[in-house]
């Protein structure tokens, strides 16, 4: 019984070792792309520059006088610009994370072969 279990474990190890690159660049890429899209969506939900832009002409704190409208407009304009910039930085970070997912196995194999040099 021990020999059968050992054979099965060794066979599964080698098959998983050979299947890993195929999974990494097919199912793994799909998994990571969906996770990255979810991260972008959550960043957009958290920062919500579109919501601030939709309400840019609505006075804050019910200040319907001219001064209140002017202050509210410029405050929201600054918020839209800052939140859009933060969302762009977040987008760049998530895209870099996705490309890191693609490059890590290649760099690992390259470093394994260049280890003795």
PDB file of N, CA and C in Angstrom:
ATOM      1  N   UNK A   1       0.819  -1.193   0.000  1.00  0.00           N
ATOM      2  CA  UNK A   1       0.000   0.000   0.000  1.00  0.00           C
ATOM      3  C   UNK A   1       0.868   1.265   0.000  1.00  0.00           C
ATOM      4  N   UNK A   2       1.949   1.232   0.766  1.00  0.00           N
ATOM      5  CA  UNK A   2       2.843   2.381   0.837  1.00  0.00           C
ATOM      6  C   UNK A   2       3.453   2.691  -0.521  1.00  0.00           C
ATOM      7  N   UNK A   3       3.804   1.665  -1.266  1.00  0.00           N
ATOM      8  CA  UNK A   3       4.421   1.862  -2.587  1.00  0.00           C
ATOM      9  C   UNK A   3       3.416   2.485  -3.547  1.00  0.00           C
ATOM     10  N   UNK A   4       2.163   2.068  -3.504  1.00  0.00           N
ATOM     11  CA  UNK A   4       1.134   2.642  -4.382  1.00  0.00           C
ATOM     12  C   UNK A   4       0.898   4.114  -4.056  1.00  0.00           C
ATOM     13  N   UNK A   5       0.867   4.438  -2.788  1.00  0.00           N
ATOM     14  CA  UNK A   5       0.664   5.835  -2.381  1.00  0.00           C
ATOM     15  C   UNK A   5       1.863   6.680  -2.793  1.00  0.00           C
ATOM     16  N   UNK A   6       3.064   6.159  -2.582  1.00  0.00           N
ATOM     17  CA  UNK A   6       4.271   6.891  -2.969  1.00  0.00           C
ATOM     18  C   UNK A   6       4.308   7.113  -4.484  1.00  0.00           C
ATOM     19  N   UNK A   7       3.954   6.095  -5.257  1.00  0.00           N
ATOM     20  CA  UNK A   7       3.920   6.247  -6.720  1.00  0.00           C
ATOM     21  C   UNK A   7       2.912   7.315  -7.140  1.00  0.00           C
ATOM     22  N   UNK A   8       1.749   7.279  -6.521  1.00  0.00           N
ATOM     23  CA  UNK A   8       0.710   8.254  -6.843  1.00  0.00           C
ATOM     24  C   UNK A   8       1.169   9.677  -6.500  1.00  0.00           C
ATOM     25  N   UNK A   9       1.787   9.856  -5.341  1.00  0.00           N
ATOM     26  CA  UNK A   9       2.275  11.172  -4.945  1.00  0.00           C
ATOM     27  C   UNK A   9       3.371  11.677  -5.875  1.00  0.00           C
ATOM     28  N   UNK A  10       4.293  10.802  -6.226  1.00  0.00           N
ATOM     29  CA  UNK A  10       5.378  11.211  -7.124  1.00  0.00           C
ATOM     30  C   UNK A  10       4.833  11.540  -8.503  1.00  0.00           C
ATOM     31  N   UNK A  11       3.916  10.740  -9.014  1.00  0.00           N
ATOM     32  CA  UNK A  11       3.320  10.998 -10.325  1.00  0.00           C
ATOM     33  C   UNK A  11       2.538  12.308 -10.323  1.00  0.00           C
ATOM     34  N   UNK A  12       1.753  12.539  -9.276  1.00  0.00           N
ATOM     35  CA  UNK A  12       1.005  13.799  -9.187  1.00  0.00           C
ATOM     36  C   UNK A  12       1.947  14.993  -9.098  1.00  0.00           C
ATOM     37  N   UNK A  13       3.048  14.845  -8.370  1.00  0.00           N
ATOM     38  CA  UNK A  13       4.014  15.934  -8.256  1.00  0.00           C
ATOM     39  C   UNK A  13       4.572  16.301  -9.623  1.00  0.00           C
ATOM     40  N   UNK A  14       5.002  15.316 -10.383  1.00  0.00           N
ATOM     41  CA  UNK A  14       5.590  15.602 -11.696  1.00  0.00           C
ATOM     42  C   UNK A  14       4.553  16.121 -12.692  1.00  0.00           C
ATOM     43  N   UNK A  15       3.336  15.589 -12.631  1.00  0.00           N
ATOM     44  CA  UNK A  15       2.292  16.089 -13.530  1.00  0.00           C
ATOM     45  C   UNK A  15       1.912  17.522 -13.179  1.00  0.00           C
ATOM     46  N   UNK A  16       1.818  17.828 -11.897  1.00  0.00           N
ATOM     47  CA  UNK A  16       1.532  19.207 -11.487  1.00  0.00           C
ATOM     48  C   UNK A  16       2.674  20.139 -11.865  1.00  0.00           C
ATOM     49  N   UNK A  17       3.889  19.666 -11.746  1.00  0.00           N
ATOM     50  CA  UNK A  17       5.056  20.461 -12.121  1.00  0.00           C
ATOM     51  C   UNK A  17       5.034  20.781 -13.618  1.00  0.00           C
ATOM     52  N   UNK A  18       4.615  19.822 -14.438  1.00  0.00           N
ATOM     53  CA  UNK A  18       4.542  20.049 -15.886  1.00  0.00           C
ATOM     54  C   UNK A  18       3.309  20.871 -16.269  1.00  0.00           C
ATOM     55  N   UNK A  19       2.227  20.723 -15.520  1.00  0.00           N
ATOM     56  CA  UNK A  19       0.983  21.432 -15.840  1.00  0.00           C
ATOM     57  C   UNK A  19       1.011  22.888 -15.380  1.00  0.00           C
ATOM     58  N   UNK A  20       1.860  23.211 -14.418  1.00  0.00           N
ATOM     59  CA  UNK A  20       1.880  24.550 -13.825  1.00  0.00           C
ATOM     60  C   UNK A  20       2.035  25.674 -14.858  1.00  0.00           C
ATOM     61  N   UNK A  21       3.020  25.628 -15.776  1.00  0.00           N
ATOM     62  CA  UNK A  21       3.141  26.742 -16.736  1.00  0.00           C
ATOM     63  C   UNK A  21       1.908  26.893 -17.627  1.00  0.00           C
ATOM     64  N   UNK A  22       1.306  25.770 -17.991  1.00  0.00           N
ATOM     65  CA  UNK A  22       0.099  25.831 -18.814  1.00  0.00           C
ATOM     66  C   UNK A  22      -1.026  26.509 -18.053  1.00  0.00           C
ATOM     67  N   UNK A  23      -1.210  26.128 -16.782  1.00  0.00           N
ATOM     68  CA  UNK A  23      -2.263  26.759 -15.986  1.00  0.00           C
ATOM     69  C   UNK A  23      -1.961  28.238 -15.754  1.00  0.00           C
ATOM     70  N   UNK A  24      -0.692  28.569 -15.473  1.00  0.00           N
ATOM     71  CA  UNK A  24      -0.322  29.945 -15.130  1.00  0.00           C
ATOM     72  C   UNK A  24      -0.681  30.909 -16.256  1.00  0.00           C
ATOM     73  N   UNK A  25      -0.478  30.480 -17.496  1.00  0.00           N
ATOM     74  CA  UNK A  25      -0.712  31.372 -18.632  1.00  0.00           C
ATOM     75  C   UNK A  25      -2.074  31.161 -19.302  1.00  0.00           C
ATOM     76  N   UNK A  26      -2.938  30.337 -18.748  1.00  0.00           N
ATOM     77  CA  UNK A  26      -4.308  30.200 -19.266  1.00  0.00           C
ATOM     78  C   UNK A  26      -5.303  30.543 -18.152  1.00  0.00           C
ATOM     79  N   UNK A  27      -5.575  29.585 -17.293  1.00  0.00           N
ATOM     80  CA  UNK A  27      -6.521  29.808 -16.204  1.00  0.00           C
ATOM     81  C   UNK A  27      -6.043  30.825 -15.193  1.00  0.00           C
ATOM     82  N   UNK A  28      -4.735  30.839 -14.953  1.00  0.00           N
ATOM     83  CA  UNK A  28      -4.178  31.795 -14.011  1.00  0.00           C
ATOM     84  C   UNK A  28      -4.283  33.225 -14.503  1.00  0.00           C
ATOM     85  N   UNK A  29      -4.064  33.425 -15.807  1.00  0.00           N
ATOM     86  CA  UNK A  29      -4.188  34.770 -16.384  1.00  0.00           C
ATOM     87  C   UNK A  29      -5.639  35.235 -16.311  1.00  0.00           C
ATOM     88  N   UNK A  30      -6.559  34.314 -16.595  1.00  0.00           N
ATOM     89  CA  UNK A  30      -7.981  34.669 -16.501  1.00  0.00           C
ATOM     90  C   UNK A  30      -8.347  35.038 -15.064  1.00  0.00           C
ATOM     91  N   UNK A  31      -7.876  34.237 -14.114  1.00  0.00           N
ATOM     92  CA  UNK A  31      -8.126  34.507 -12.698  1.00  0.00           C
ATOM     93  C   UNK A  31      -7.567  35.867 -12.302  1.00  0.00           C
ATOM     94  N   UNK A  32      -6.326  36.139 -12.693  1.00  0.00           N
ATOM     95  CA  UNK A  32      -5.685  37.401 -12.321  1.00  0.00           C
ATOM     96  C   UNK A  32      -6.351  38.584 -13.012  1.00  0.00           C
ATOM     97  N   UNK A  33      -6.765  38.417 -14.261  1.00  0.00           N
ATOM     98  CA  UNK A  33      -7.443  39.504 -14.964  1.00  0.00           C
ATOM     99  C   UNK A  33      -8.760  39.851 -14.279  1.00  0.00           C
ATOM    100  N   UNK A  34      -9.500  38.839 -13.849  1.00  0.00           N
ATOM    101  CA  UNK A  34     -10.756  39.098 -13.137  1.00  0.00           C
ATOM    102  C   UNK A  34     -10.499  39.771 -11.787  1.00  0.00           C
ATOM    103  N   UNK A  35      -9.445  39.353 -11.096  1.00  0.00           N
ATOM    104  CA  UNK A  35      -9.095  39.998  -9.824  1.00  0.00           C
ATOM    105  C   UNK A  35      -8.677  41.451 -10.045  1.00  0.00           C
ATOM    106  N   UNK A  36      -7.911  41.708 -11.106  1.00  0.00           N
ATOM    107  CA  UNK A  36      -7.478  43.076 -11.394  1.00  0.00           C
ATOM    108  C   UNK A  36      -8.667  43.959 -11.764  1.00  0.00           C
ATOM    109  N   UNK A  37      -9.595  43.415 -12.537  1.00  0.00           N
ATOM    110  CA  UNK A  37     -10.798  44.181 -12.865  1.00  0.00           C
ATOM    111  C   UNK A  37     -11.610  44.488 -11.605  1.00  0.00           C
ATOM    112  N   UNK A  38     -11.677  43.523 -10.696  1.00  0.00           N
ATOM    113  CA  UNK A  38     -12.378  43.759  -9.430  1.00  0.00           C
ATOM    114  C   UNK A  38     -11.667  44.834  -8.602  1.00  0.00           C
ATOM    115  N   UNK A  39     -10.331  44.837  -8.631  1.00  0.00           N
ATOM    116  CA  UNK A  39      -9.586  45.874  -7.910  1.00  0.00           C
ATOM    117  C   UNK A  39      -9.837  47.255  -8.510  1.00  0.00           C
ATOM    118  N   UNK A  40      -9.880  47.333  -9.831  1.00  0.00           N
ATOM    119  CA  UNK A  40     -10.156  48.616 -10.489  1.00  0.00           C
ATOM    120  C   UNK A  40     -11.569  49.081 -10.153  1.00  0.00           C
ATOM    121  N   UNK A  41     -12.517  48.159 -10.191  1.00  0.00           N
ATOM    122  CA  UNK A  41     -13.904  48.519  -9.860  1.00  0.00           C
ATOM    123  C   UNK A  41     -14.030  48.974  -8.407  1.00  0.00           C
ATOM    124  N   UNK A  42     -13.351  48.280  -7.503  1.00  0.00           N
ATOM    125  CA  UNK A  42     -13.432  48.701  -6.100  1.00  0.00           C
ATOM    126  C   UNK A  42     -12.738  50.047  -5.880  1.00  0.00           C
ATOM    127  N   UNK A  43     -11.661  50.297  -6.624  1.00  0.00           N
ATOM    128  CA  UNK A  43     -11.016  51.611  -6.541  1.00  0.00           C
ATOM    129  C   UNK A  43     -11.925  52.708  -7.048  1.00  0.00           C
ATOM    130  N   UNK A  44     -12.649  52.423  -8.137  1.00  0.00           N
ATOM    131  CA  UNK A  44     -13.604  53.399  -8.667  1.00  0.00           C
ATOM    132  C   UNK A  44     -14.769  53.606  -7.697  1.00  0.00           C
ATOM    133  N   UNK A  45     -15.229  52.535  -7.089  1.00  0.00           N
ATOM    134  CA  UNK A  45     -16.307  52.669  -6.106  1.00  0.00           C
ATOM    135  C   UNK A  45     -15.854  53.454  -4.880  1.00  0.00           C
ATOM    136  N   UNK A  46     -14.602  53.255  -4.474  1.00  0.00           N
ATOM    137  CA  UNK A  46     -14.092  53.951  -3.295  1.00  0.00           C
ATOM    138  C   UNK A  46     -13.851  55.431  -3.572  1.00  0.00           C
ATOM    139  N   UNK A  47     -13.229  55.742  -4.703  1.00  0.00           N
ATOM    140  CA  UNK A  47     -12.890  57.139  -5.003  1.00  0.00           C
ATOM    141  C   UNK A  47     -14.060  57.905  -5.623  1.00  0.00           C
ATOM    142  N   UNK A  48     -14.845  57.255  -6.468  1.00  0.00           N
ATOM    143  CA  UNK A  48     -16.073  57.793  -7.069  1.00  0.00           C
ATOM    144  C   UNK A  48     -15.923  59.183  -7.694  1.00  0.00           C
ATOM    145  N   UNK A  49     -14.988  59.360  -8.636  1.00  0.00           N
ATOM    146  CA  UNK A  49     -14.881  60.687  -9.264  1.00  0.00           C
ATOM    147  C   UNK A  49     -16.117  61.030 -10.108  1.00  0.00           C
ATOM    148  N   UNK A  50     -16.770  60.029 -10.659  1.00  0.00           N
ATOM    149  CA  UNK A  50     -17.974  60.278 -11.449  1.00  0.00           C
ATOM    150  C   UNK A  50     -19.118  60.827 -10.620  1.00  0.00           C
ATOM    151  N   UNK A  51     -19.240  60.354  -9.397  1.00  0.00           N
ATOM    152  CA  UNK A  51     -20.269  60.858  -8.495  1.00  0.00           C
ATOM    153  C   UNK A  51     -20.029  62.323  -8.158  1.00  0.00           C
ATOM    154  N   UNK A  52     -18.775  62.679  -7.901  1.00  0.00           N
ATOM    155  CA  UNK A  52     -18.442  64.075  -7.624  1.00  0.00           C
ATOM    156  C   UNK A  52     -18.679  64.934  -8.857  1.00  0.00           C
ATOM    157  N   UNK A  53     -18.394  64.390 -10.026  1.00  0.00           N
ATOM    158  CA  UNK A  53     -18.595  65.149 -11.263  1.00  0.00           C
ATOM    159  C   UNK A  53     -20.079  65.360 -11.550  1.00  0.00           C
ATOM    160  N   UNK A  54     -20.902  64.342 -11.273  1.00  0.00           N
ATOM    161  CA  UNK A  54     -22.348  64.491 -11.490  1.00  0.00           C
ATOM    162  C   UNK A  54     -22.943  65.573 -10.591  1.00  0.00           C
ATOM    163  N   UNK A  55     -22.392  65.729  -9.404  1.00  0.00           N
ATOM    164  CA  UNK A  55     -22.931  66.687  -8.439  1.00  0.00           C
ATOM    165  C   UNK A  55     -22.132  67.986  -8.380  1.00  0.00           C
ATOM    166  N   UNK A  56     -21.374  68.282  -9.409  1.00  0.00           N
ATOM    167  CA  UNK A  56     -20.480  69.440  -9.355  1.00  0.00           C
ATOM    168  C   UNK A  56     -21.258  70.755  -9.260  1.00  0.00           C
ATOM    169  N   UNK A  57     -22.458  70.815  -9.793  1.00  0.00           N
ATOM    170  CA  UNK A  57     -23.238  72.054  -9.760  1.00  0.00           C
ATOM    171  C   UNK A  57     -24.203  72.124  -8.572  1.00  0.00           C
ATOM    172  N   UNK A  58     -24.233  71.097  -7.742  1.00  0.00           N
ATOM    173  CA  UNK A  58     -25.116  71.082  -6.578  1.00  0.00           C
ATOM    174  C   UNK A  58     -24.382  71.744  -5.411  1.00  0.00           C
ATOM    175  N   UNK A  59     -24.982  72.743  -4.788  1.00  0.00           N
ATOM    176  CA  UNK A  59     -24.307  73.414  -3.667  1.00  0.00           C
ATOM    177  C   UNK A  59     -24.148  72.473  -2.473  1.00  0.00           C
ATOM    178  N   UNK A  60     -23.028  72.606  -1.799  1.00  0.00           N
ATOM    179  CA  UNK A  60     -22.784  71.796  -0.612  1.00  0.00           C
ATOM    180  C   UNK A  60     -23.445  72.450   0.601  1.00  0.00           C
ATOM    181  N   UNK A  61     -23.895  71.624   1.531  1.00  0.00           N
ATOM    182  CA  UNK A  61     -24.471  72.068   2.804  1.00  0.00           C
ATOM    183  C   UNK A  61     -25.654  73.011   2.617  1.00  0.00           C
ATOM    184  N   UNK A  62     -26.378  72.848   1.527  1.00  0.00           N
ATOM    185  CA  UNK A  62     -27.587  73.635   1.243  1.00  0.00           C
ATOM    186  C   UNK A  62     -27.322  75.134   1.234  1.00  0.00           C
ATOM    187  N   UNK A  63     -26.160  75.530   0.806  1.00  0.00           N
ATOM    188  CA  UNK A  63     -25.815  76.944   0.672  1.00  0.00           C
ATOM    189  C   UNK A  63     -26.184  77.390  -0.729  1.00  0.00           C
ATOM    190  N   UNK A  64     -27.397  77.870  -0.906  1.00  0.00           N
ATOM    191  CA  UNK A  64     -27.915  78.205  -2.224  1.00  0.00           C
ATOM    192  C   UNK A  64     -27.540  79.621  -2.666  1.00  0.00           C
ATOM    193  N   UNK A  65     -26.842  80.376  -1.833  1.00  0.00           N
ATOM    194  CA  UNK A  65     -26.441  81.717  -2.238  1.00  0.00           C
ATOM    195  C   UNK A  65     -25.253  81.633  -3.211  1.00  0.00           C
ATOM    196  N   UNK A  66     -24.886  82.738  -3.815  1.00  0.00           N
ATOM    197  CA  UNK A  66     -23.835  82.763  -4.834  1.00  0.00           C
ATOM    198  C   UNK A  66     -22.484  82.314  -4.287  1.00  0.00           C
ATOM    199  N   UNK A  67     -22.125  82.790  -3.097  1.00  0.00           N
ATOM    200  CA  UNK A  67     -20.840  82.410  -2.517  1.00  0.00           C
ATOM    201  C   UNK A  67     -20.778  80.913  -2.239  1.00  0.00           C
ATOM    202  N   UNK A  68     -21.865  80.362  -1.732  1.00  0.00           N
ATOM    203  CA  UNK A  68     -21.930  78.927  -1.458  1.00  0.00           C
ATOM    204  C   UNK A  68     -21.797  78.102  -2.722  1.00  0.00           C
ATOM    205  N   UNK A  69     -22.438  78.550  -3.803  1.00  0.00           N
ATOM    206  CA  UNK A  69     -22.344  77.844  -5.076  1.00  0.00           C
ATOM    207  C   UNK A  69     -20.926  77.900  -5.644  1.00  0.00           C
ATOM    208  N   UNK A  70     -20.275  79.034  -5.558  1.00  0.00           N
ATOM    209  CA  UNK A  70     -18.916  79.185  -6.090  1.00  0.00           C
ATOM    210  C   UNK A  70     -17.936  78.319  -5.296  1.00  0.00           C
ATOM    211  N   UNK A  71     -18.025  78.393  -3.984  1.00  0.00           N
ATOM    212  CA  UNK A  71     -17.138  77.580  -3.136  1.00  0.00           C
ATOM    213  C   UNK A  71     -17.381  76.093  -3.388  1.00  0.00           C
ATOM    214  N   UNK A  72     -18.641  75.688  -3.482  1.00  0.00           N
ATOM    215  CA  UNK A  72     -18.968  74.288  -3.717  1.00  0.00           C
ATOM    216  C   UNK A  72     -18.439  73.822  -5.064  1.00  0.00           C
ATOM    217  N   UNK A  73     -18.591  74.652  -6.098  1.00  0.00           N
ATOM    218  CA  UNK A  73     -18.121  74.277  -7.432  1.00  0.00           C
ATOM    219  C   UNK A  73     -16.621  74.031  -7.436  1.00  0.00           C
ATOM    220  N   UNK A  74     -15.863  74.974  -6.879  1.00  0.00           N
ATOM    221  CA  UNK A  74     -14.410  74.820  -6.901  1.00  0.00           C
ATOM    222  C   UNK A  74     -13.936  73.698  -5.971  1.00  0.00           C
ATOM    223  N   UNK A  75     -14.618  73.519  -4.862  1.00  0.00           N
ATOM    224  CA  UNK A  75     -14.259  72.413  -3.962  1.00  0.00           C
ATOM    225  C   UNK A  75     -14.480  71.078  -4.651  1.00  0.00           C
ATOM    226  N   UNK A  76     -15.598  70.933  -5.320  1.00  0.00           N
ATOM    227  CA  UNK A  76     -15.874  69.687  -6.031  1.00  0.00           C
ATOM    228  C   UNK A  76     -14.969  69.521  -7.240  1.00  0.00           C
ATOM    229  N   UNK A  77     -14.608  70.611  -7.891  1.00  0.00           N
ATOM    230  CA  UNK A  77     -13.679  70.527  -9.011  1.00  0.00           C
ATOM    231  C   UNK A  77     -12.324  69.990  -8.535  1.00  0.00           C
ATOM    232  N   UNK A  78     -11.847  70.483  -7.410  1.00  0.00           N
ATOM    233  CA  UNK A  78     -10.590  69.989  -6.846  1.00  0.00           C
ATOM    234  C   UNK A  78     -10.733  68.503  -6.479  1.00  0.00           C
ATOM    235  N   UNK A  79     -11.872  68.138  -5.918  1.00  0.00           N
ATOM    236  CA  UNK A  79     -12.102  66.746  -5.557  1.00  0.00           C
ATOM    237  C   UNK A  79     -12.107  65.838  -6.790  1.00  0.00           C
ATOM    238  N   UNK A  80     -12.757  66.275  -7.855  1.00  0.00           N
ATOM    239  CA  UNK A  80     -12.808  65.479  -9.088  1.00  0.00           C
ATOM    240  C   UNK A  80     -11.410  65.292  -9.654  1.00  0.00           C
ATOM    241  N   UNK A  81     -10.618  66.360  -9.683  1.00  0.00           N
ATOM    242  CA  UNK A  81      -9.259  66.266 -10.225  1.00  0.00           C
ATOM    243  C   UNK A  81      -8.401  65.352  -9.357  1.00  0.00           C
ATOM    244  N   UNK A  82      -8.444  65.532  -8.052  1.00  0.00           N
ATOM    245  CA  UNK A  82      -7.623  64.717  -7.152  1.00  0.00           C
ATOM    246  C   UNK A  82      -8.041  63.247  -7.183  1.00  0.00           C
ATOM    247  N   UNK A  83      -9.336  63.000  -7.180  1.00  0.00           N
ATOM    248  CA  UNK A  83      -9.808  61.615  -7.191  1.00  0.00           C
ATOM    249  C   UNK A  83      -9.545  60.943  -8.539  1.00  0.00           C
ATOM    250  N   UNK A  84      -9.644  61.685  -9.620  1.00  0.00           N
ATOM    251  CA  UNK A  84      -9.312  61.118 -10.935  1.00  0.00           C
ATOM    252  C   UNK A  84      -7.828  60.784 -11.026  1.00  0.00           C
ATOM    253  N   UNK A  85      -6.986  61.650 -10.488  1.00  0.00           N
ATOM    254  CA  UNK A  85      -5.552  61.382 -10.456  1.00  0.00           C
ATOM    255  C   UNK A  85      -5.255  60.144  -9.612  1.00  0.00           C
ATOM    256  N   UNK A  86      -5.887  60.041  -8.446  1.00  0.00           N
ATOM    257  CA  UNK A  86      -5.678  58.876  -7.581  1.00  0.00           C
ATOM    258  C   UNK A  86      -6.153  57.602  -8.262  1.00  0.00           C
ATOM    259  N   UNK A  87      -7.257  57.687  -9.000  1.00  0.00           N
ATOM    260  CA  UNK A  87      -7.751  56.516  -9.718  1.00  0.00           C
ATOM    261  C   UNK A  87      -6.791  56.121 -10.842  1.00  0.00           C
ATOM    262  N   UNK A  88      -6.184  57.085 -11.501  1.00  0.00           N
ATOM    263  CA  UNK A  88      -5.185  56.779 -12.541  1.00  0.00           C
ATOM    264  C   UNK A  88      -3.957  56.111 -11.935  1.00  0.00           C
ATOM    265  N   UNK A  89      -3.519  56.583 -10.780  1.00  0.00           N
ATOM    266  CA  UNK A  89      -2.387  55.951 -10.095  1.00  0.00           C
ATOM    267  C   UNK A  89      -2.754  54.523  -9.703  1.00  0.00           C
ATOM    268  N   UNK A  90      -3.955  54.320  -9.205  1.00  0.00           N
ATOM    269  CA  UNK A  90      -4.424  52.983  -8.839  1.00  0.00           C
ATOM    270  C   UNK A  90      -4.479  52.083 -10.072  1.00  0.00           C
ATOM    271  N   UNK A  91      -4.949  52.608 -11.189  1.00  0.00           N
ATOM    272  CA  UNK A  91      -5.015  51.844 -12.428  1.00  0.00           C
ATOM    273  C   UNK A  91      -3.618  51.422 -12.877  1.00  0.00           C
ATOM    274  N   UNK A  92      -2.651  52.320 -12.808  1.00  0.00           N
ATOM    275  CA  UNK A  92      -1.275  51.996 -13.185  1.00  0.00           C
ATOM    276  C   UNK A  92      -0.715  50.910 -12.264  1.00  0.00           C
ATOM    277  N   UNK A  93      -1.000  50.995 -10.973  1.00  0.00           N
ATOM    278  CA  UNK A  93      -0.542  49.989 -10.023  1.00  0.00           C
ATOM    279  C   UNK A  93      -1.136  48.617 -10.339  1.00  0.00           C
ATOM    280  N   UNK A  94      -2.430  48.566 -10.635  1.00  0.00           N
ATOM    281  CA  UNK A  94      -3.092  47.285 -10.913  1.00  0.00           C
ATOM    282  C   UNK A  94      -2.581  46.695 -12.225  1.00  0.00           C
ATOM    283  N   UNK A  95      -2.369  47.514 -13.247  1.00  0.00           N
ATOM    284  CA  UNK A  95      -1.828  47.014 -14.509  1.00  0.00           C
ATOM    285  C   UNK A  95      -0.407  46.488 -14.301  1.00  0.00           C
ATOM    286  N   UNK A  96       0.394  47.180 -13.493  1.00  0.00           N
ATOM    287  CA  UNK A  96       1.748  46.696 -13.187  1.00  0.00           C
ATOM    288  C   UNK A  96       1.688  45.369 -12.441  1.00  0.00           C
ATOM    289  N   UNK A  97       0.718  45.228 -11.553  1.00  0.00           N
ATOM    290  CA  UNK A  97       0.529  43.972 -10.835  1.00  0.00           C
ATOM    291  C   UNK A  97       0.188  42.838 -11.798  1.00  0.00           C
ATOM    292  N   UNK A  98      -0.663  43.109 -12.785  1.00  0.00           N
ATOM    293  CA  UNK A  98      -1.023  42.096 -13.773  1.00  0.00           C
ATOM    294  C   UNK A  98       0.189  41.684 -14.611  1.00  0.00           C
ATOM    295  N   UNK A  99       0.987  42.659 -15.048  1.00  0.00           N
ATOM    296  CA  UNK A  99       2.159  42.320 -15.842  1.00  0.00           C
ATOM    297  C   UNK A  99       3.224  41.617 -14.996  1.00  0.00           C
ATOM    298  N   UNK A 100       3.286  41.932 -13.716  1.00  0.00           N
ATOM    299  CA  UNK A 100       4.189  41.203 -12.824  1.00  0.00           C
ATOM    300  C   UNK A 100       3.780  39.739 -12.742  1.00  0.00           C
ATOM    301  N   UNK A 101       2.480  39.488 -12.735  1.00  0.00           N
ATOM    302  CA  UNK A 101       1.967  38.113 -12.734  1.00  0.00           C
ATOM    303  C   UNK A 101       2.459  37.361 -13.971  1.00  0.00           C
ATOM    304  N   UNK A 102       2.509  38.034 -15.091  1.00  0.00           N
ATOM    305  CA  UNK A 102       2.958  37.386 -16.326  1.00  0.00           C
ATOM    306  C   UNK A 102       4.472  37.167 -16.354  1.00  0.00           C
ATOM    307  N   UNK A 103       5.229  38.070 -15.747  1.00  0.00           N
ATOM    308  CA  UNK A 103       6.681  38.048 -15.879  1.00  0.00           C
ATOM    309  C   UNK A 103       7.365  37.210 -14.800  1.00  0.00           C
ATOM    310  N   UNK A 104       6.767  37.036 -13.647  1.00  0.00           N
ATOM    311  CA  UNK A 104       7.419  36.352 -12.526  1.00  0.00           C
ATOM    312  C   UNK A 104       7.912  34.947 -12.883  1.00  0.00           C
ATOM    313  N   UNK A 105       7.124  34.084 -13.535  1.00  0.00           N
ATOM    314  CA  UNK A 105       7.663  32.756 -13.854  1.00  0.00           C
ATOM    315  C   UNK A 105       8.845  32.809 -14.823  1.00  0.00           C
ATOM    316  N   UNK A 106       8.806  33.716 -15.774  1.00  0.00           N
ATOM    317  CA  UNK A 106       9.900  33.832 -16.727  1.00  0.00           C
ATOM    318  C   UNK A 106      11.177  34.258 -16.009  1.00  0.00           C
ATOM    319  N   UNK A 107      11.074  35.236 -15.134  1.00  0.00           N
ATOM    320  CA  UNK A 107      12.243  35.686 -14.382  1.00  0.00           C
ATOM    321  C   UNK A 107      12.756  34.610 -13.438  1.00  0.00           C
ATOM    322  N   UNK A 108      11.853  33.834 -12.872  1.00  0.00           N
ATOM    323  CA  UNK A 108      12.257  32.760 -11.975  1.00  0.00           C
ATOM    324  C   UNK A 108      13.059  31.701 -12.723  1.00  0.00           C
ATOM    325  N   UNK A 109      12.567  31.282 -13.872  1.00  0.00           N
ATOM    326  CA  UNK A 109      13.278  30.286 -14.676  1.00  0.00           C
ATOM    327  C   UNK A 109      14.611  30.846 -15.154  1.00  0.00           C
ATOM    328  N   UNK A 110      14.627  32.089 -15.564  1.00  0.00           N
ATOM    329  CA  UNK A 110      15.880  32.714 -16.011  1.00  0.00           C
ATOM    330  C   UNK A 110      16.904  32.741 -14.869  1.00  0.00           C
ATOM    331  N   UNK A 111      16.460  33.100 -13.683  1.00  0.00           N
ATOM    332  CA  UNK A 111      17.382  33.137 -12.544  1.00  0.00           C
ATOM    333  C   UNK A 111      17.842  31.743 -12.130  1.00  0.00           C
ATOM    334  N   UNK A 112      17.015  30.735 -12.307  1.00  0.00           N
ATOM    335  CA  UNK A 112      17.441  29.371 -12.010  1.00  0.00           C
ATOM    336  C   UNK A 112      18.560  28.935 -12.939  1.00  0.00           C
ATOM    337  N   UNK A 113      18.461  29.285 -14.208  1.00  0.00           N
ATOM    338  CA  UNK A 113      19.495  28.904 -15.165  1.00  0.00           C
ATOM    339  C   UNK A 113      20.747  29.762 -15.038  1.00  0.00           C
ATOM    340  N   UNK A 114      20.641  30.971 -14.538  1.00  0.00           N
ATOM    341  CA  UNK A 114      21.792  31.853 -14.376  1.00  0.00           C
ATOM    342  C   UNK A 114      22.329  31.854 -12.955  1.00  0.00           C
ATOM    343  N   UNK A 115      21.906  30.910 -12.139  1.00  0.00           N
ATOM    344  CA  UNK A 115      22.296  30.896 -10.736  1.00  0.00           C
ATOM    345  C   UNK A 115      23.797  30.704 -10.552  1.00  0.00           C
ATOM    346  N   UNK A 116      24.409  29.826 -11.357  1.00  0.00           N
ATOM    347  CA  UNK A 116      25.831  29.538 -11.199  1.00  0.00           C
ATOM    348  C   UNK A 116      26.732  30.599 -11.798  1.00  0.00           C
ATOM    349  N   UNK A 117      26.215  31.478 -12.608  1.00  0.00           N
ATOM    350  CA  UNK A 117      27.074  32.450 -13.310  1.00  0.00           C
ATOM    351  C   UNK A 117      27.374  33.632 -12.463  1.00  0.00           C
TER     352      UNK A 117
END
